[in-house]
Amino acid sequence: GAGIKQAISEGIVKREDLFIQTKFTPVGGQDL
């Protein structure tokens, strides 16, 4: 998010021109 925010603030890209994908990771894939 910080890297994206920097790119937006420097005028490199607008939020609406980005495709942001993240994931919900179940417990088995997490560091408890």
PDB file of all heavy atoms in Angstrom:
ATOM      1  N   GLY A   1       0.814  -1.208   0.000  1.00  0.00           N
ATOM      2  CA  GLY A   1       0.000   0.000   0.000  1.00  0.00           C
ATOM      3  C   GLY A   1       0.848   1.259   0.000  1.00  0.00           C
ATOM      4  O   GLY A   1       0.521   2.237  -0.683  1.00  0.00           O
ATOM      5  N   ALA A   2       1.954   1.243   0.734  1.00  0.00           N
ATOM      6  CA  ALA A   2       2.831   2.412   0.777  1.00  0.00           C
ATOM      7  C   ALA A   2       3.462   2.687  -0.583  1.00  0.00           C
ATOM      8  O   ALA A   2       3.583   3.846  -1.013  1.00  0.00           O
ATOM      9  CB  ALA A   2       3.918   2.201   1.833  1.00  0.00           C
ATOM     10  N   GLY A   3       3.877   1.631  -1.267  1.00  0.00           N
ATOM     11  CA  GLY A   3       4.454   1.799  -2.599  1.00  0.00           C
ATOM     12  C   GLY A   3       3.451   2.352  -3.586  1.00  0.00           C
ATOM     13  O   GLY A   3       3.771   3.216  -4.415  1.00  0.00           O
ATOM     14  N   ILE A   4       2.212   1.874  -3.498  1.00  0.00           N
ATOM     15  CA  ILE A   4       1.152   2.382  -4.370  1.00  0.00           C
ATOM     16  C   ILE A   4       0.859   3.847  -4.042  1.00  0.00           C
ATOM     17  O   ILE A   4       0.714   4.680  -4.947  1.00  0.00           O
ATOM     18  CB  ILE A   4      -0.118   1.527  -4.213  1.00  0.00           C
ATOM     19  CG1 ILE A   4       0.120   0.114  -4.763  1.00  0.00           C
ATOM     20  CG2 ILE A   4      -1.300   2.182  -4.928  1.00  0.00           C
ATOM     21  CD1 ILE A   4      -1.013  -0.861  -4.475  1.00  0.00           C
ATOM     22  N   LYS A   5       0.790   4.147  -2.755  1.00  0.00           N
ATOM     23  CA  LYS A   5       0.507   5.527  -2.340  1.00  0.00           C
ATOM     24  C   LYS A   5       1.572   6.484  -2.859  1.00  0.00           C
ATOM     25  O   LYS A   5       1.260   7.596  -3.319  1.00  0.00           O
ATOM     26  CB  LYS A   5       0.428   5.598  -0.817  1.00  0.00           C
ATOM     27  CG  LYS A   5      -0.004   6.952  -0.285  1.00  0.00           C
ATOM     28  CD  LYS A   5      -0.192   6.918   1.227  1.00  0.00           C
ATOM     29  CE  LYS A   5      -0.714   8.245   1.743  1.00  0.00           C
ATOM     30  NZ  LYS A   5      -0.939   8.204   3.218  1.00  0.00           N
ATOM     31  N   GLN A   6       2.828   6.063  -2.820  1.00  0.00           N
ATOM     32  CA  GLN A   6       3.907   6.900  -3.341  1.00  0.00           C
ATOM     33  C   GLN A   6       3.738   7.139  -4.838  1.00  0.00           C
ATOM     34  O   GLN A   6       3.894   8.273  -5.324  1.00  0.00           O
ATOM     35  CB  GLN A   6       5.268   6.256  -3.074  1.00  0.00           C
ATOM     36  CG  GLN A   6       6.445   7.094  -3.564  1.00  0.00           C
ATOM     37  CD  GLN A   6       7.784   6.408  -3.368  1.00  0.00           C
ATOM     38  OE1 GLN A   6       7.864   5.321  -2.778  1.00  0.00           O
ATOM     39  NE2 GLN A   6       8.850   7.020  -3.858  1.00  0.00           N
ATOM     40  N   ALA A   7       3.388   6.076  -5.568  1.00  0.00           N
ATOM     41  CA  ALA A   7       3.200   6.224  -7.016  1.00  0.00           C
ATOM     42  C   ALA A   7       2.029   7.141  -7.335  1.00  0.00           C
ATOM     43  O   ALA A   7       2.086   7.936  -8.282  1.00  0.00           O
ATOM     44  CB  ALA A   7       2.986   4.846  -7.648  1.00  0.00           C
ATOM     45  N   ILE A   8       0.973   7.052  -6.543  1.00  0.00           N
ATOM     46  CA  ILE A   8      -0.180   7.936  -6.749  1.00  0.00           C
ATOM     47  C   ILE A   8       0.196   9.384  -6.436  1.00  0.00           C
ATOM     48  O   ILE A   8      -0.119  10.306  -7.197  1.00  0.00           O
ATOM     49  CB  ILE A   8      -1.371   7.483  -5.875  1.00  0.00           C
ATOM     50  CG1 ILE A   8      -1.912   6.138  -6.375  1.00  0.00           C
ATOM     51  CG2 ILE A   8      -2.486   8.535  -5.883  1.00  0.00           C
ATOM     52  CD1 ILE A   8      -2.987   5.532  -5.479  1.00  0.00           C
ATOM     53  N   SER A   9       0.897   9.585  -5.317  1.00  0.00           N
ATOM     54  CA  SER A   9       1.253  10.951  -4.900  1.00  0.00           C
ATOM     55  C   SER A   9       2.218  11.613  -5.875  1.00  0.00           C
ATOM     56  O   SER A   9       2.212  12.843  -6.022  1.00  0.00           O
ATOM     57  CB  SER A   9       1.865  10.932  -3.494  1.00  0.00           C
ATOM     58  OG  SER A   9       3.122  10.255  -3.482  1.00  0.00           O
ATOM     59  N   GLU A  10       3.028  10.821  -6.576  1.00  0.00           N
ATOM     60  CA  GLU A  10       3.976  11.376  -7.546  1.00  0.00           C
ATOM     61  C   GLU A  10       3.395  11.469  -8.944  1.00  0.00           C
ATOM     62  O   GLU A  10       4.096  11.814  -9.903  1.00  0.00           O
ATOM     63  CB  GLU A  10       5.260  10.547  -7.554  1.00  0.00           C
ATOM     64  CG  GLU A  10       6.027  10.624  -6.238  1.00  0.00           C
ATOM     65  CD  GLU A  10       7.415  10.028  -6.295  1.00  0.00           C
ATOM     66  OE1 GLU A  10       7.929   9.831  -7.419  1.00  0.00           O
ATOM     67  OE2 GLU A  10       7.998   9.770  -5.229  1.00  0.00           O
ATOM     68  N   GLY A  11       2.103  11.148  -9.066  1.00  0.00           N
ATOM     69  CA  GLY A  11       1.424  11.311 -10.351  1.00  0.00           C
ATOM     70  C   GLY A  11       1.731  10.238 -11.376  1.00  0.00           C
ATOM     71  O   GLY A  11       1.430  10.409 -12.562  1.00  0.00           O
ATOM     72  N   ILE A  12       2.310   9.134 -10.946  1.00  0.00           N
ATOM     73  CA  ILE A  12       2.641   8.051 -11.868  1.00  0.00           C
ATOM     74  C   ILE A  12       1.383   7.295 -12.293  1.00  0.00           C
ATOM     75  O   ILE A  12       1.255   6.844 -13.429  1.00  0.00           O
ATOM     76  CB  ILE A  12       3.662   7.091 -11.217  1.00  0.00           C
ATOM     77  CG1 ILE A  12       5.006   7.817 -11.041  1.00  0.00           C
ATOM     78  CG2 ILE A  12       3.847   5.827 -12.043  1.00  0.00           C
ATOM     79  CD1 ILE A  12       6.011   7.053 -10.217  1.00  0.00           C
ATOM     80  N   VAL A  13       0.451   7.154 -11.369  1.00  0.00           N
ATOM     81  CA  VAL A  13      -0.756   6.393 -11.647  1.00  0.00           C
ATOM     82  C   VAL A  13      -1.893   6.907 -10.778  1.00  0.00           C
ATOM     83  O   VAL A  13      -1.650   7.524  -9.727  1.00  0.00           O
ATOM     84  CB  VAL A  13      -0.503   4.880 -11.378  1.00  0.00           C
ATOM     85  CG1 VAL A  13      -0.295   4.619  -9.901  1.00  0.00           C
ATOM     86  CG2 VAL A  13      -1.618   4.021 -11.927  1.00  0.00           C
ATOM     87  N   LYS A  14      -3.118   6.686 -11.204  1.00  0.00           N
ATOM     88  CA  LYS A  14      -4.299   6.993 -10.402  1.00  0.00           C
ATOM     89  C   LYS A  14      -4.867   5.680  -9.864  1.00  0.00           C
ATOM     90  O   LYS A  14      -4.708   4.634 -10.481  1.00  0.00           O
ATOM     91  CB  LYS A  14      -5.357   7.706 -11.236  1.00  0.00           C
ATOM     92  CG  LYS A  14      -4.922   9.068 -11.765  1.00  0.00           C
ATOM     93  CD  LYS A  14      -6.016   9.687 -12.620  1.00  0.00           C
ATOM     94  CE  LYS A  14      -5.585  11.046 -13.152  1.00  0.00           C
ATOM     95  NZ  LYS A  14      -6.644  11.644 -14.015  1.00  0.00           N
ATOM     96  N   ARG A  15      -5.547   5.756  -8.730  1.00  0.00           N
ATOM     97  CA  ARG A  15      -6.120   4.538  -8.146  1.00  0.00           C
ATOM     98  C   ARG A  15      -7.028   3.824  -9.127  1.00  0.00           C
ATOM     99  O   ARG A  15      -7.001   2.583  -9.227  1.00  0.00           O
ATOM    100  CB  ARG A  15      -6.895   4.877  -6.848  1.00  0.00           C
ATOM    101  CG  ARG A  15      -7.712   3.697  -6.286  1.00  0.00           C
ATOM    102  CD  ARG A  15      -6.800   2.533  -5.918  1.00  0.00           C
ATOM    103  NE  ARG A  15      -7.512   1.356  -5.440  1.00  0.00           N
ATOM    104  CZ  ARG A  15      -7.856   0.323  -6.208  1.00  0.00           C
ATOM    105  NH1 ARG A  15      -7.579   0.331  -7.515  1.00  0.00           N
ATOM    106  NH2 ARG A  15      -8.465  -0.732  -5.683  1.00  0.00           N
ATOM    107  N   GLU A  16      -7.832   4.570  -9.867  1.00  0.00           N
ATOM    108  CA  GLU A  16      -8.787   3.943 -10.776  1.00  0.00           C
ATOM    109  C   GLU A  16      -8.116   3.252 -11.955  1.00  0.00           C
ATOM    110  O   GLU A  16      -8.763   2.484 -12.686  1.00  0.00           O
ATOM    111  CB  GLU A  16      -9.800   4.972 -11.292  1.00  0.00           C
ATOM    112  CG  GLU A  16      -9.193   6.185 -11.987  1.00  0.00           C
ATOM    113  CD  GLU A  16      -8.988   7.367 -11.039  1.00  0.00           C
ATOM    114  OE1 GLU A  16      -8.738   7.126  -9.827  1.00  0.00           O
ATOM    115  OE2 GLU A  16      -9.083   8.510 -11.523  1.00  0.00           O
ATOM    116  N   ASP A  17      -6.837   3.481 -12.140  1.00  0.00           N
ATOM    117  CA  ASP A  17      -6.102   2.822 -13.229  1.00  0.00           C
ATOM    118  C   ASP A  17      -5.301   1.623 -12.734  1.00  0.00           C
ATOM    119  O   ASP A  17      -4.508   1.047 -13.487  1.00  0.00           O
ATOM    120  CB  ASP A  17      -5.154   3.813 -13.904  1.00  0.00           C
ATOM    121  CG  ASP A  17      -5.895   4.962 -14.554  1.00  0.00           C
ATOM    122  OD1 ASP A  17      -7.012   4.722 -15.060  1.00  0.00           O
ATOM    123  OD2 ASP A  17      -5.379   6.100 -14.532  1.00  0.00           O
ATOM    124  N   LEU A  18      -5.519   1.231 -11.474  1.00  0.00           N
ATOM    125  CA  LEU A  18      -4.800   0.114 -10.881  1.00  0.00           C
ATOM    126  C   LEU A  18      -5.723  -1.067 -10.610  1.00  0.00           C
ATOM    127  O   LEU A  18      -6.904  -0.887 -10.309  1.00  0.00           O
ATOM    128  CB  LEU A  18      -4.155   0.526  -9.555  1.00  0.00           C
ATOM    129  CG  LEU A  18      -2.914   1.400  -9.603  1.00  0.00           C
ATOM    130  CD1 LEU A  18      -2.490   1.751  -8.184  1.00  0.00           C
ATOM    131  CD2 LEU A  18      -1.778   0.711 -10.334  1.00  0.00           C
ATOM    132  N   PHE A  19      -5.157  -2.256 -10.690  1.00  0.00           N
ATOM    133  CA  PHE A  19      -5.852  -3.480 -10.306  1.00  0.00           C
ATOM    134  C   PHE A  19      -5.124  -4.040  -9.099  1.00  0.00           C
ATOM    135  O   PHE A  19      -4.011  -4.558  -9.214  1.00  0.00           O
ATOM    136  CB  PHE A  19      -5.848  -4.486 -11.466  1.00  0.00           C
ATOM    137  CG  PHE A  19      -6.645  -5.734 -11.206  1.00  0.00           C
ATOM    138  CD1 PHE A  19      -7.985  -5.798 -11.536  1.00  0.00           C
ATOM    139  CD2 PHE A  19      -6.040  -6.849 -10.627  1.00  0.00           C
ATOM    140  CE1 PHE A  19      -8.727  -6.951 -11.303  1.00  0.00           C
ATOM    141  CE2 PHE A  19      -6.776  -8.009 -10.384  1.00  0.00           C
ATOM    142  CZ  PHE A  19      -8.123  -8.051 -10.725  1.00  0.00           C
ATOM    143  N   ILE A  20      -5.740  -3.912  -7.931  1.00  0.00           N
ATOM    144  CA  ILE A  20      -5.127  -4.366  -6.683  1.00  0.00           C
ATOM    145  C   ILE A  20      -5.795  -5.667  -6.242  1.00  0.00           C
ATOM    146  O   ILE A  20      -7.013  -5.725  -6.065  1.00  0.00           O
ATOM    147  CB  ILE A  20      -5.271  -3.300  -5.576  1.00  0.00           C
ATOM    148  CG1 ILE A  20      -4.532  -2.021  -5.978  1.00  0.00           C
ATOM    149  CG2 ILE A  20      -4.726  -3.837  -4.251  1.00  0.00           C
ATOM    150  CD1 ILE A  20      -4.726  -0.875  -5.015  1.00  0.00           C
ATOM    151  N   GLN A  21      -4.980  -6.670  -6.068  1.00  0.00           N
ATOM    152  CA  GLN A  21      -5.480  -7.988  -5.657  1.00  0.00           C
ATOM    153  C   GLN A  21      -4.774  -8.424  -4.378  1.00  0.00           C
ATOM    154  O   GLN A  21      -3.553  -8.388  -4.286  1.00  0.00           O
ATOM    155  CB  GLN A  21      -5.214  -9.006  -6.758  1.00  0.00           C
ATOM    156  CG  GLN A  21      -5.616 -10.444  -6.392  1.00  0.00           C
ATOM    157  CD  GLN A  21      -5.512 -11.372  -7.580  1.00  0.00           C
ATOM    158  OE1 GLN A  21      -6.409 -11.432  -8.414  1.00  0.00           O
ATOM    159  NE2 GLN A  21      -4.409 -12.091  -7.687  1.00  0.00           N
ATOM    160  N   THR A  22      -5.566  -8.823  -3.396  1.00  0.00           N
ATOM    161  CA  THR A  22      -4.989  -9.372  -2.175  1.00  0.00           C
ATOM    162  C   THR A  22      -5.725 -10.651  -1.816  1.00  0.00           C
ATOM    163  O   THR A  22      -6.588 -11.106  -2.571  1.00  0.00           O
ATOM    164  CB  THR A  22      -5.012  -8.348  -1.024  1.00  0.00           C
ATOM    165  OG1 THR A  22      -4.224  -8.850   0.058  1.00  0.00           O
ATOM    166  CG2 THR A  22      -6.428  -8.053  -0.551  1.00  0.00           C
ATOM    167  N   LYS A  23      -5.364 -11.235  -0.682  1.00  0.00           N
ATOM    168  CA  LYS A  23      -5.919 -12.547  -0.350  1.00  0.00           C
ATOM    169  C   LYS A  23      -6.297 -12.631   1.120  1.00  0.00           C
ATOM    170  O   LYS A  23      -5.669 -11.991   1.973  1.00  0.00           O
ATOM    171  CB  LYS A  23      -4.895 -13.650  -0.656  1.00  0.00           C
ATOM    172  CG  LYS A  23      -4.345 -13.619  -2.069  1.00  0.00           C
ATOM    173  CD  LYS A  23      -3.318 -14.715  -2.270  1.00  0.00           C
ATOM    174  CE  LYS A  23      -2.562 -14.526  -3.569  1.00  0.00           C
ATOM    175  NZ  LYS A  23      -1.548 -13.445  -3.457  1.00  0.00           N
ATOM    176  N   PHE A  24      -7.296 -13.449   1.375  1.00  0.00           N
ATOM    177  CA  PHE A  24      -7.564 -13.914   2.735  1.00  0.00           C
ATOM    178  C   PHE A  24      -6.848 -15.250   2.869  1.00  0.00           C
ATOM    179  O   PHE A  24      -7.109 -16.191   2.112  1.00  0.00           O
ATOM    180  CB  PHE A  24      -9.058 -14.094   2.999  1.00  0.00           C
ATOM    181  CG  PHE A  24      -9.325 -14.887   4.261  1.00  0.00           C
ATOM    182  CD1 PHE A  24      -9.129 -14.311   5.500  1.00  0.00           C
ATOM    183  CD2 PHE A  24      -9.709 -16.227   4.202  1.00  0.00           C
ATOM    184  CE1 PHE A  24      -9.328 -15.045   6.674  1.00  0.00           C
ATOM    185  CE2 PHE A  24      -9.918 -16.965   5.360  1.00  0.00           C
ATOM    186  CZ  PHE A  24      -9.728 -16.369   6.604  1.00  0.00           C
ATOM    187  N   THR A  25      -5.941 -15.337   3.843  1.00  0.00           N
ATOM    188  CA  THR A  25      -5.159 -16.547   4.062  1.00  0.00           C
ATOM    189  C   THR A  25      -5.661 -17.263   5.314  1.00  0.00           C
ATOM    190  O   THR A  25      -5.634 -16.693   6.409  1.00  0.00           O
ATOM    191  CB  THR A  25      -3.664 -16.212   4.238  1.00  0.00           C
ATOM    192  OG1 THR A  25      -3.217 -15.455   3.111  1.00  0.00           O
ATOM    193  CG2 THR A  25      -2.842 -17.487   4.363  1.00  0.00           C
ATOM    194  N   PRO A  26      -6.132 -18.497   5.183  1.00  0.00           N
ATOM    195  CA  PRO A  26      -6.583 -19.249   6.360  1.00  0.00           C
ATOM    196  C   PRO A  26      -5.462 -19.476   7.375  1.00  0.00           C
ATOM    197  O   PRO A  26      -4.269 -19.279   7.068  1.00  0.00           O
ATOM    198  CB  PRO A  26      -7.074 -20.577   5.761  1.00  0.00           C
ATOM    199  CG  PRO A  26      -7.432 -20.237   4.352  1.00  0.00           C
ATOM    200  CD  PRO A  26      -6.409 -19.219   3.932  1.00  0.00           C
ATOM    201  N   VAL A  27      -5.841 -19.916   8.557  1.00  0.00           N
ATOM    202  CA  VAL A  27      -4.905 -20.082   9.668  1.00  0.00           C
ATOM    203  C   VAL A  27      -3.704 -20.945   9.290  1.00  0.00           C
ATOM    204  O   VAL A  27      -2.567 -20.656   9.671  1.00  0.00           O
ATOM    205  CB  VAL A  27      -5.633 -20.686  10.894  1.00  0.00           C
ATOM    206  CG1 VAL A  27      -4.632 -21.039  11.992  1.00  0.00           C
ATOM    207  CG2 VAL A  27      -6.680 -19.722  11.428  1.00  0.00           C
ATOM    208  N   GLY A  28      -3.931 -22.007   8.525  1.00  0.00           N
ATOM    209  CA  GLY A  28      -2.857 -22.926   8.184  1.00  0.00           C
ATOM    210  C   GLY A  28      -1.716 -22.296   7.419  1.00  0.00           C
ATOM    211  O   GLY A  28      -0.596 -22.812   7.418  1.00  0.00           O
ATOM    212  N   GLY A  29      -1.969 -21.168   6.773  1.00  0.00           N
ATOM    213  CA  GLY A  29      -0.917 -20.491   6.017  1.00  0.00           C
ATOM    214  C   GLY A  29      -0.320 -19.294   6.724  1.00  0.00           C
ATOM    215  O   GLY A  29       0.508 -18.582   6.157  1.00  0.00           O
ATOM    216  N   GLN A  30      -0.733 -19.064   7.971  1.00  0.00           N
ATOM    217  CA  GLN A  30      -0.312 -17.879   8.705  1.00  0.00           C
ATOM    218  C   GLN A  30       0.787 -18.187   9.728  1.00  0.00           C
ATOM    219  O   GLN A  30       0.937 -19.321  10.190  1.00  0.00           O
ATOM    220  CB  GLN A  30      -1.512 -17.269   9.446  1.00  0.00           C
ATOM    221  CG  GLN A  30      -2.647 -16.783   8.554  1.00  0.00           C
ATOM    222  CD  GLN A  30      -2.385 -15.417   7.961  1.00  0.00           C
ATOM    223  OE1 GLN A  30      -1.291 -14.851   8.065  1.00  0.00           O
ATOM    224  NE2 GLN A  30      -3.415 -14.865   7.312  1.00  0.00           N
ATOM    225  N   ASP A  31       1.517 -17.154  10.087  1.00  0.00           N
ATOM    226  CA  ASP A  31       2.402 -17.180  11.238  1.00  0.00           C
ATOM    227  C   ASP A  31       1.532 -16.817  12.444  1.00  0.00           C
ATOM    228  O   ASP A  31       1.027 -15.693  12.538  1.00  0.00           O
ATOM    229  CB  ASP A  31       3.522 -16.152  11.059  1.00  0.00           C
ATOM    230  CG  ASP A  31       4.440 -16.025  12.272  1.00  0.00           C
ATOM    231  OD1 ASP A  31       4.135 -16.638  13.320  1.00  0.00           O
ATOM    232  OD2 ASP A  31       5.437 -15.298  12.182  1.00  0.00           O
ATOM    233  N   LEU A  32       1.337 -17.746  13.352  1.00  0.00           N
ATOM    234  CA  LEU A  32       0.416 -17.531  14.461  1.00  0.00           C
ATOM    235  C   LEU A  32       0.826 -16.374  15.370  1.00  0.00           C
ATOM    236  O   LEU A  32       0.001 -15.864  16.139  1.00  0.00           O
ATOM    237  CB  LEU A  32       0.271 -18.815  15.282  1.00  0.00           C
ATOM    238  CG  LEU A  32      -0.349 -20.010  14.543  1.00  0.00           C
ATOM    239  CD1 LEU A  32      -0.452 -21.217  15.481  1.00  0.00           C
ATOM    240  CD2 LEU A  32      -1.721 -19.646  13.979  1.00  0.00           C
TER     241      LEU A  32
END
